[in-house]
N, C-alpha and C. Protein backbone atom coordinates (compact mmCIF):
# COMPACT_ATOMS: atom_id res chain seq x y z
N MET A 1 146.98 106.50 176.69
CA MET A 1 145.77 106.17 175.95
C MET A 1 146.17 105.59 174.61
N LEU A 2 145.46 104.56 174.19
CA LEU A 2 145.66 103.97 172.87
C LEU A 2 144.38 104.14 172.06
N SER A 3 144.55 104.31 170.75
CA SER A 3 143.42 104.44 169.83
C SER A 3 143.68 103.59 168.60
N TYR A 4 142.61 103.08 168.02
CA TYR A 4 142.70 102.33 166.78
C TYR A 4 141.37 102.38 166.07
N SER A 5 141.37 102.02 164.79
CA SER A 5 140.12 101.93 164.05
C SER A 5 140.16 100.71 163.14
N ILE A 6 138.98 100.16 162.91
CA ILE A 6 138.81 99.00 162.04
C ILE A 6 137.66 99.30 161.11
N SER A 7 137.87 99.07 159.83
CA SER A 7 136.90 99.44 158.80
C SER A 7 136.39 98.18 158.09
N THR A 8 135.08 98.17 157.81
CA THR A 8 134.47 97.02 157.13
C THR A 8 133.52 97.51 156.04
N PRO A 9 133.76 97.17 154.77
CA PRO A 9 132.82 97.56 153.71
C PRO A 9 131.55 96.73 153.78
N ILE A 10 130.41 97.39 153.54
CA ILE A 10 129.10 96.74 153.58
C ILE A 10 128.36 97.05 152.29
N GLN A 11 127.78 96.03 151.68
CA GLN A 11 127.01 96.22 150.45
C GLN A 11 125.54 96.48 150.78
N ALA A 12 125.32 97.66 151.36
CA ALA A 12 123.96 98.09 151.71
C ALA A 12 124.00 99.59 151.99
N PRO A 13 122.88 100.26 151.82
CA PRO A 13 122.84 101.69 152.14
C PRO A 13 122.84 101.93 153.66
N ILE A 14 123.21 103.13 154.05
CA ILE A 14 123.29 103.49 155.46
C ILE A 14 121.99 103.20 156.20
N GLY A 15 120.86 103.57 155.60
CA GLY A 15 119.56 103.38 156.27
C GLY A 15 119.30 101.94 156.64
N HIS A 16 119.67 101.01 155.76
CA HIS A 16 119.50 99.58 156.02
C HIS A 16 120.36 99.16 157.22
N VAL A 17 121.61 99.60 157.22
CA VAL A 17 122.53 99.24 158.30
C VAL A 17 122.02 99.81 159.63
N LYS A 18 121.60 101.06 159.59
CA LYS A 18 121.10 101.73 160.80
C LYS A 18 119.92 100.97 161.41
N GLU A 19 118.98 100.51 160.57
CA GLU A 19 117.82 99.76 161.06
C GLU A 19 118.20 98.47 161.77
N LEU A 20 119.31 97.86 161.35
CA LEU A 20 119.70 96.57 161.90
C LEU A 20 120.66 96.67 163.09
N PHE A 21 121.05 97.88 163.48
CA PHE A 21 121.90 98.05 164.66
C PHE A 21 121.00 97.95 165.89
N THR A 22 120.74 96.71 166.31
CA THR A 22 119.80 96.41 167.37
C THR A 22 120.47 95.55 168.44
N ALA A 23 119.72 95.24 169.48
CA ALA A 23 120.21 94.34 170.52
C ALA A 23 120.57 92.99 169.93
N ASP A 24 119.78 92.51 168.97
CA ASP A 24 120.05 91.22 168.33
C ASP A 24 121.42 91.23 167.64
N LEU A 25 121.72 92.31 166.92
CA LEU A 25 123.03 92.39 166.26
C LEU A 25 124.15 92.41 167.29
N LEU A 26 123.98 93.18 168.36
CA LEU A 26 125.01 93.25 169.39
C LEU A 26 125.33 91.86 169.94
N LEU A 27 124.33 91.06 170.16
CA LEU A 27 124.56 89.70 170.67
C LEU A 27 125.24 88.82 169.62
N ARG A 28 124.89 88.99 168.35
CA ARG A 28 125.52 88.21 167.29
C ARG A 28 127.00 88.58 167.12
N LEU A 29 127.35 89.82 167.47
CA LEU A 29 128.72 90.31 167.33
C LEU A 29 129.63 89.85 168.46
N SER A 30 129.04 89.33 169.53
CA SER A 30 129.83 88.93 170.69
C SER A 30 130.57 87.64 170.41
N PRO A 31 131.86 87.60 170.77
CA PRO A 31 132.63 86.37 170.55
C PRO A 31 132.15 85.23 171.44
N PRO A 32 132.49 83.98 171.09
CA PRO A 32 132.03 82.84 171.88
C PRO A 32 132.63 82.81 173.29
N PHE A 33 133.80 83.40 173.46
CA PHE A 33 134.39 83.51 174.80
C PHE A 33 135.04 84.86 174.93
N PRO A 34 134.82 85.54 176.01
CA PRO A 34 133.92 85.13 177.08
C PRO A 34 132.47 85.33 176.68
N ARG A 35 131.58 84.55 177.28
CA ARG A 35 130.15 84.66 176.98
C ARG A 35 129.64 86.00 177.50
N VAL A 36 128.82 86.63 176.69
CA VAL A 36 128.27 87.95 177.04
C VAL A 36 126.75 87.86 177.04
N SER A 37 126.14 88.41 178.07
CA SER A 37 124.68 88.52 178.07
C SER A 37 124.32 90.00 178.14
N LEU A 38 123.26 90.32 177.49
CA LEU A 38 122.79 91.70 177.40
C LEU A 38 121.79 91.96 178.52
N LYS A 39 122.13 92.85 179.41
CA LYS A 39 121.26 93.18 180.54
C LYS A 39 120.36 94.37 180.23
N ARG A 40 120.84 95.27 179.36
CA ARG A 40 120.03 96.44 178.98
C ARG A 40 120.53 96.98 177.65
N PHE A 41 119.58 97.31 176.78
CA PHE A 41 119.90 97.93 175.50
C PHE A 41 118.79 98.92 175.18
N ASP A 42 119.08 100.20 175.39
CA ASP A 42 118.08 101.23 175.10
C ASP A 42 118.07 101.60 173.63
N GLY A 43 119.20 101.46 172.95
CA GLY A 43 119.32 101.84 171.55
C GLY A 43 120.62 102.56 171.29
N CYS A 44 120.64 103.32 170.20
CA CYS A 44 121.86 103.98 169.73
C CYS A 44 121.73 105.50 169.70
N LEU A 45 120.84 106.04 170.51
CA LEU A 45 120.63 107.48 170.54
C LEU A 45 121.24 108.08 171.80
N LYS A 46 121.54 109.37 171.73
CA LYS A 46 122.13 110.06 172.87
C LYS A 46 121.32 109.80 174.13
N ASP A 47 122.02 109.51 175.21
CA ASP A 47 121.47 109.21 176.54
C ASP A 47 120.93 107.79 176.69
N ASP A 48 121.05 106.96 175.65
CA ASP A 48 120.70 105.55 175.79
C ASP A 48 121.80 104.83 176.57
N THR A 49 121.43 103.75 177.22
CA THR A 49 122.37 102.96 178.02
C THR A 49 122.44 101.54 177.48
N VAL A 50 123.64 100.96 177.52
CA VAL A 50 123.85 99.56 177.16
C VAL A 50 124.62 98.92 178.32
N ILE A 51 124.11 97.81 178.83
CA ILE A 51 124.77 97.11 179.92
C ILE A 51 124.97 95.65 179.52
N LEU A 52 126.23 95.22 179.57
CA LEU A 52 126.61 93.85 179.26
C LEU A 52 127.12 93.16 180.51
N GLU A 53 126.87 91.86 180.61
CA GLU A 53 127.47 91.05 181.66
C GLU A 53 128.40 90.06 180.98
N ILE A 54 129.66 90.08 181.37
CA ILE A 54 130.68 89.23 180.77
C ILE A 54 130.99 88.09 181.74
N ASN A 55 130.79 86.85 181.27
CA ASN A 55 131.00 85.68 182.11
C ASN A 55 132.42 85.16 181.90
N LEU A 56 133.25 85.33 182.92
CA LEU A 56 134.65 84.90 182.85
C LEU A 56 134.86 83.57 183.59
N VAL A 57 133.93 82.66 183.51
CA VAL A 57 133.90 81.33 184.12
C VAL A 57 133.76 81.41 185.64
N PHE A 58 134.75 81.97 186.33
CA PHE A 58 134.69 82.00 187.79
C PHE A 58 134.10 83.29 188.35
N THR A 59 133.88 84.26 187.47
CA THR A 59 133.30 85.52 187.91
C THR A 59 132.57 86.18 186.74
N LYS A 60 131.69 87.07 187.07
CA LYS A 60 130.98 87.84 186.06
C LYS A 60 131.29 89.31 186.30
N VAL A 61 131.51 90.05 185.21
CA VAL A 61 131.79 91.47 185.32
C VAL A 61 130.80 92.24 184.46
N THR A 62 130.53 93.45 184.88
CA THR A 62 129.58 94.31 184.18
C THR A 62 130.34 95.36 183.37
N TRP A 63 129.86 95.59 182.17
CA TRP A 63 130.37 96.66 181.32
C TRP A 63 129.16 97.49 180.92
N SER A 64 129.12 98.73 181.36
CA SER A 64 128.01 99.59 180.97
C SER A 64 128.55 100.80 180.23
N SER A 65 127.78 101.23 179.26
CA SER A 65 128.14 102.39 178.43
C SER A 65 126.95 103.30 178.26
N LEU A 66 127.26 104.56 178.07
CA LEU A 66 126.25 105.58 177.81
C LEU A 66 126.49 106.12 176.40
N ILE A 67 125.44 106.24 175.62
CA ILE A 67 125.57 106.85 174.30
C ILE A 67 125.62 108.37 174.54
N THR A 68 126.76 108.96 174.21
CA THR A 68 126.98 110.38 174.51
C THR A 68 126.70 111.29 173.32
N GLU A 69 126.61 110.70 172.13
CA GLU A 69 126.39 111.51 170.93
C GLU A 69 125.87 110.62 169.82
N ASP A 70 125.01 111.17 168.98
CA ASP A 70 124.59 110.48 167.76
C ASP A 70 124.25 111.53 166.71
N LYS A 71 124.46 111.17 165.46
CA LYS A 71 124.17 112.09 164.37
C LYS A 71 123.89 111.28 163.11
N SER A 72 122.95 111.77 162.32
CA SER A 72 122.59 111.09 161.08
C SER A 72 122.44 112.12 159.96
N THR A 73 123.17 111.88 158.87
CA THR A 73 123.04 112.68 157.66
C THR A 73 122.87 111.72 156.49
N GLU A 74 122.75 112.26 155.30
CA GLU A 74 122.63 111.42 154.11
C GLU A 74 123.89 110.59 153.87
N ASP A 75 125.05 111.13 154.26
CA ASP A 75 126.32 110.47 153.97
C ASP A 75 126.95 109.74 155.14
N GLU A 76 126.41 109.94 156.36
CA GLU A 76 127.03 109.29 157.52
C GLU A 76 126.05 109.22 158.69
N TRP A 77 126.16 108.12 159.41
CA TRP A 77 125.44 107.96 160.67
C TRP A 77 126.47 107.48 161.68
N TYR A 78 126.42 108.05 162.88
CA TYR A 78 127.32 107.56 163.91
C TYR A 78 126.70 107.74 165.29
N PHE A 79 127.23 106.97 166.22
CA PHE A 79 126.94 107.17 167.63
C PHE A 79 128.19 106.81 168.42
N ILE A 80 128.32 107.43 169.57
CA ILE A 80 129.49 107.22 170.41
C ILE A 80 129.04 106.61 171.73
N ASP A 81 129.64 105.46 172.08
CA ASP A 81 129.38 104.92 173.41
C ASP A 81 130.62 105.16 174.28
N GLN A 82 130.34 105.66 175.46
CA GLN A 82 131.38 106.00 176.43
C GLN A 82 131.23 105.05 177.61
N GLY A 83 132.33 104.42 178.01
CA GLY A 83 132.28 103.50 179.14
C GLY A 83 131.93 104.21 180.43
N VAL A 84 131.03 103.61 181.20
CA VAL A 84 130.64 104.13 182.51
C VAL A 84 131.21 103.22 183.59
N LYS A 85 130.94 101.93 183.47
CA LYS A 85 131.49 100.92 184.38
C LYS A 85 132.17 99.88 183.50
N MET A 86 133.49 99.75 183.69
CA MET A 86 134.26 98.90 182.79
C MET A 86 135.16 97.95 183.58
N PRO A 87 135.36 96.76 183.07
CA PRO A 87 136.27 95.80 183.71
C PRO A 87 137.71 95.97 183.23
N PHE A 88 138.55 95.05 183.65
CA PHE A 88 139.92 94.90 183.15
C PHE A 88 140.82 96.10 183.44
N GLY A 89 140.51 96.88 184.44
CA GLY A 89 141.35 98.04 184.76
C GLY A 89 141.16 99.23 183.85
N LEU A 90 140.15 99.18 183.00
CA LEU A 90 139.90 100.30 182.10
C LEU A 90 139.37 101.50 182.89
N HIS A 91 139.96 102.66 182.62
CA HIS A 91 139.48 103.91 183.22
C HIS A 91 138.78 104.77 182.18
N PHE A 92 139.06 104.49 180.91
CA PHE A 92 138.43 105.26 179.84
C PHE A 92 138.17 104.34 178.66
N TRP A 93 136.97 104.46 178.09
CA TRP A 93 136.60 103.72 176.88
C TRP A 93 135.68 104.60 176.07
N GLN A 94 136.02 104.77 174.79
CA GLN A 94 135.13 105.46 173.87
C GLN A 94 135.13 104.71 172.56
N HIS A 95 133.93 104.44 172.05
CA HIS A 95 133.77 103.70 170.80
C HIS A 95 132.84 104.49 169.90
N LYS A 96 133.40 105.02 168.83
CA LYS A 96 132.59 105.72 167.84
C LYS A 96 132.25 104.73 166.74
N HIS A 97 130.97 104.45 166.59
CA HIS A 97 130.46 103.55 165.56
C HIS A 97 130.05 104.44 164.38
N ARG A 98 130.83 104.42 163.31
CA ARG A 98 130.53 105.25 162.14
C ARG A 98 130.08 104.38 160.98
N VAL A 99 129.06 104.83 160.30
CA VAL A 99 128.62 104.18 159.06
C VAL A 99 128.64 105.28 158.01
N LYS A 100 129.56 105.14 157.07
CA LYS A 100 129.82 106.19 156.09
C LYS A 100 129.49 105.68 154.68
N ARG A 101 128.72 106.47 153.94
CA ARG A 101 128.36 106.09 152.57
C ARG A 101 129.61 106.12 151.70
N THR A 102 129.80 105.05 150.93
CA THR A 102 130.93 104.99 150.00
C THR A 102 130.47 105.10 148.55
N SER A 103 129.22 104.72 148.30
CA SER A 103 128.61 104.85 146.97
C SER A 103 127.12 104.60 147.13
N ASP A 104 126.38 104.73 146.05
CA ASP A 104 124.96 104.40 146.13
C ASP A 104 124.82 102.93 146.46
N GLY A 105 124.14 102.63 147.53
CA GLY A 105 123.90 101.24 147.90
C GLY A 105 125.03 100.57 148.65
N ALA A 106 126.05 101.32 149.05
CA ALA A 106 127.16 100.73 149.80
C ALA A 106 127.67 101.72 150.85
N CYS A 107 128.23 101.15 151.90
CA CYS A 107 128.77 101.99 152.96
C CYS A 107 129.94 101.26 153.61
N GLU A 108 130.48 101.89 154.62
CA GLU A 108 131.61 101.34 155.34
C GLU A 108 131.35 101.56 156.83
N ILE A 109 131.52 100.51 157.62
CA ILE A 109 131.44 100.65 159.07
C ILE A 109 132.86 100.89 159.56
N ILE A 110 133.01 101.94 160.33
CA ILE A 110 134.31 102.28 160.88
C ILE A 110 134.16 102.31 162.40
N ASP A 111 134.83 101.39 163.07
CA ASP A 111 134.84 101.35 164.52
C ASP A 111 136.09 102.10 164.98
N GLU A 112 135.90 103.21 165.68
CA GLU A 112 137.00 104.01 166.19
C GLU A 112 137.02 103.88 167.71
N ILE A 113 138.09 103.31 168.23
CA ILE A 113 138.19 103.00 169.65
C ILE A 113 139.33 103.80 170.29
N SER A 114 139.07 104.32 171.48
CA SER A 114 140.10 104.90 172.34
C SER A 114 139.89 104.33 173.72
N PHE A 115 140.98 103.91 174.37
CA PHE A 115 140.87 103.37 175.72
C PHE A 115 142.12 103.68 176.52
N ASP A 116 141.98 103.63 177.85
CA ASP A 116 143.12 103.89 178.72
C ASP A 116 142.92 103.20 180.06
N THR A 117 143.99 102.62 180.56
CA THR A 117 143.99 102.00 181.89
C THR A 117 144.75 102.86 182.89
N ARG A 118 145.42 103.88 182.41
CA ARG A 118 146.33 104.75 183.18
C ARG A 118 147.67 104.08 183.45
N ILE A 119 147.86 102.87 182.91
CA ILE A 119 149.13 102.16 183.05
C ILE A 119 149.53 101.71 181.65
N ALA A 120 150.59 102.31 181.11
CA ALA A 120 150.99 102.04 179.73
C ALA A 120 151.16 100.55 179.46
N PHE A 121 151.82 99.83 180.36
CA PHE A 121 152.03 98.39 180.16
C PHE A 121 150.70 97.66 180.03
N LEU A 122 149.74 98.00 180.89
CA LEU A 122 148.43 97.34 180.84
C LEU A 122 147.68 97.71 179.55
N ASN A 123 147.83 98.95 179.08
CA ASN A 123 147.23 99.34 177.80
C ASN A 123 147.72 98.41 176.69
N TYR A 124 149.03 98.19 176.63
CA TYR A 124 149.59 97.35 175.57
C TYR A 124 149.25 95.87 175.78
N LEU A 125 149.08 95.47 177.03
CA LEU A 125 148.69 94.10 177.31
C LEU A 125 147.25 93.84 176.87
N LEU A 126 146.37 94.81 177.08
CA LEU A 126 144.96 94.67 176.70
C LEU A 126 144.70 94.91 175.22
N PHE A 127 145.59 95.65 174.57
CA PHE A 127 145.35 96.03 173.17
C PHE A 127 144.98 94.85 172.27
N PRO A 128 145.74 93.75 172.25
CA PRO A 128 145.36 92.65 171.34
C PRO A 128 143.97 92.10 171.60
N PHE A 129 143.58 91.99 172.86
CA PHE A 129 142.24 91.50 173.22
C PHE A 129 141.16 92.47 172.73
N LEU A 130 141.35 93.76 173.02
CA LEU A 130 140.35 94.76 172.65
C LEU A 130 140.29 94.95 171.13
N TRP A 131 141.44 94.90 170.47
CA TRP A 131 141.47 94.99 169.01
C TRP A 131 140.75 93.77 168.42
N GLY A 132 141.07 92.58 168.94
CA GLY A 132 140.46 91.35 168.45
C GLY A 132 138.96 91.32 168.64
N MET A 133 138.51 91.89 169.75
CA MET A 133 137.07 91.94 170.05
C MET A 133 136.31 92.68 168.95
N ILE A 134 136.91 93.74 168.39
CA ILE A 134 136.27 94.51 167.32
C ILE A 134 136.53 93.87 165.96
N PHE A 135 137.75 93.39 165.72
CA PHE A 135 138.08 92.75 164.44
C PHE A 135 137.19 91.53 164.21
N TYR A 136 136.86 90.82 165.27
CA TYR A 136 136.01 89.63 165.22
C TYR A 136 134.66 89.94 164.57
N ARG A 137 134.22 91.19 164.65
CA ARG A 137 132.90 91.59 164.13
C ARG A 137 132.83 91.65 162.61
N LYS A 138 133.95 91.82 161.93
CA LYS A 138 133.94 92.08 160.49
C LYS A 138 133.10 91.08 159.69
N PRO A 139 133.30 89.77 159.82
CA PRO A 139 132.49 88.85 159.01
C PRO A 139 131.01 88.88 159.39
N PHE A 140 130.70 89.15 160.65
CA PHE A 140 129.31 89.22 161.09
C PHE A 140 128.64 90.48 160.55
N TYR A 141 129.37 91.59 160.54
CA TYR A 141 128.84 92.80 159.90
C TYR A 141 128.46 92.50 158.46
N LYS A 142 129.38 91.87 157.73
CA LYS A 142 129.12 91.58 156.31
C LYS A 142 127.96 90.61 156.14
N LYS A 143 127.91 89.58 156.98
CA LYS A 143 126.86 88.56 156.85
C LYS A 143 125.48 89.11 157.18
N TYR A 144 125.37 89.86 158.25
CA TYR A 144 124.05 90.29 158.73
C TYR A 144 123.61 91.64 158.23
N LEU A 145 124.52 92.45 157.70
CA LEU A 145 124.14 93.79 157.29
C LEU A 145 124.13 94.01 155.78
N SER A 146 124.87 93.21 155.03
CA SER A 146 124.92 93.39 153.58
C SER A 146 123.65 92.86 152.93
N LEU A 147 123.24 93.52 151.87
CA LEU A 147 122.07 93.07 151.12
C LEU A 147 122.41 91.94 150.16
N VAL A 148 123.69 91.82 149.81
CA VAL A 148 124.13 90.71 148.97
C VAL A 148 124.97 89.79 149.84
N ASN A 149 124.94 88.51 149.55
CA ASN A 149 125.68 87.54 150.33
C ASN A 149 127.17 87.69 150.04
N PRO A 150 127.97 88.07 151.07
CA PRO A 150 129.40 88.31 150.84
C PRO A 150 130.22 87.03 150.74
N LEU A 151 129.64 85.89 151.05
CA LEU A 151 130.42 84.64 151.06
C LEU A 151 130.41 83.93 149.74
């Protein structure tokens, strides 16, 4: 199993960020390739389901996740999506989406990922792709979630 985290500072309070964590944001966060379409988005609460269809030119694959936990306090909001049906030989996927207050009017998004294919070589082969998929989100988080223009 491999784990990693990526952190992005946001110039907005937690409540603002939480309101904008929607299906629209998920689609904006998707990279241009492979193309992703959203088949189902219940939300970010426990027992919600998210289903994506990934178009790999010659085939389409489904990635579905179940929200297994969510919690909201004054200083932090998070939810965990657990892979149910995953492509690329993945047997385990867990993504904890954390939004942590850093000061009044500012927070930090922390994406904590754990995944496993059950084959160490394949884990390391997929790591750059899976890391890049989350790292790609950083400028979009800042653009769409910050109250001040980060550019």
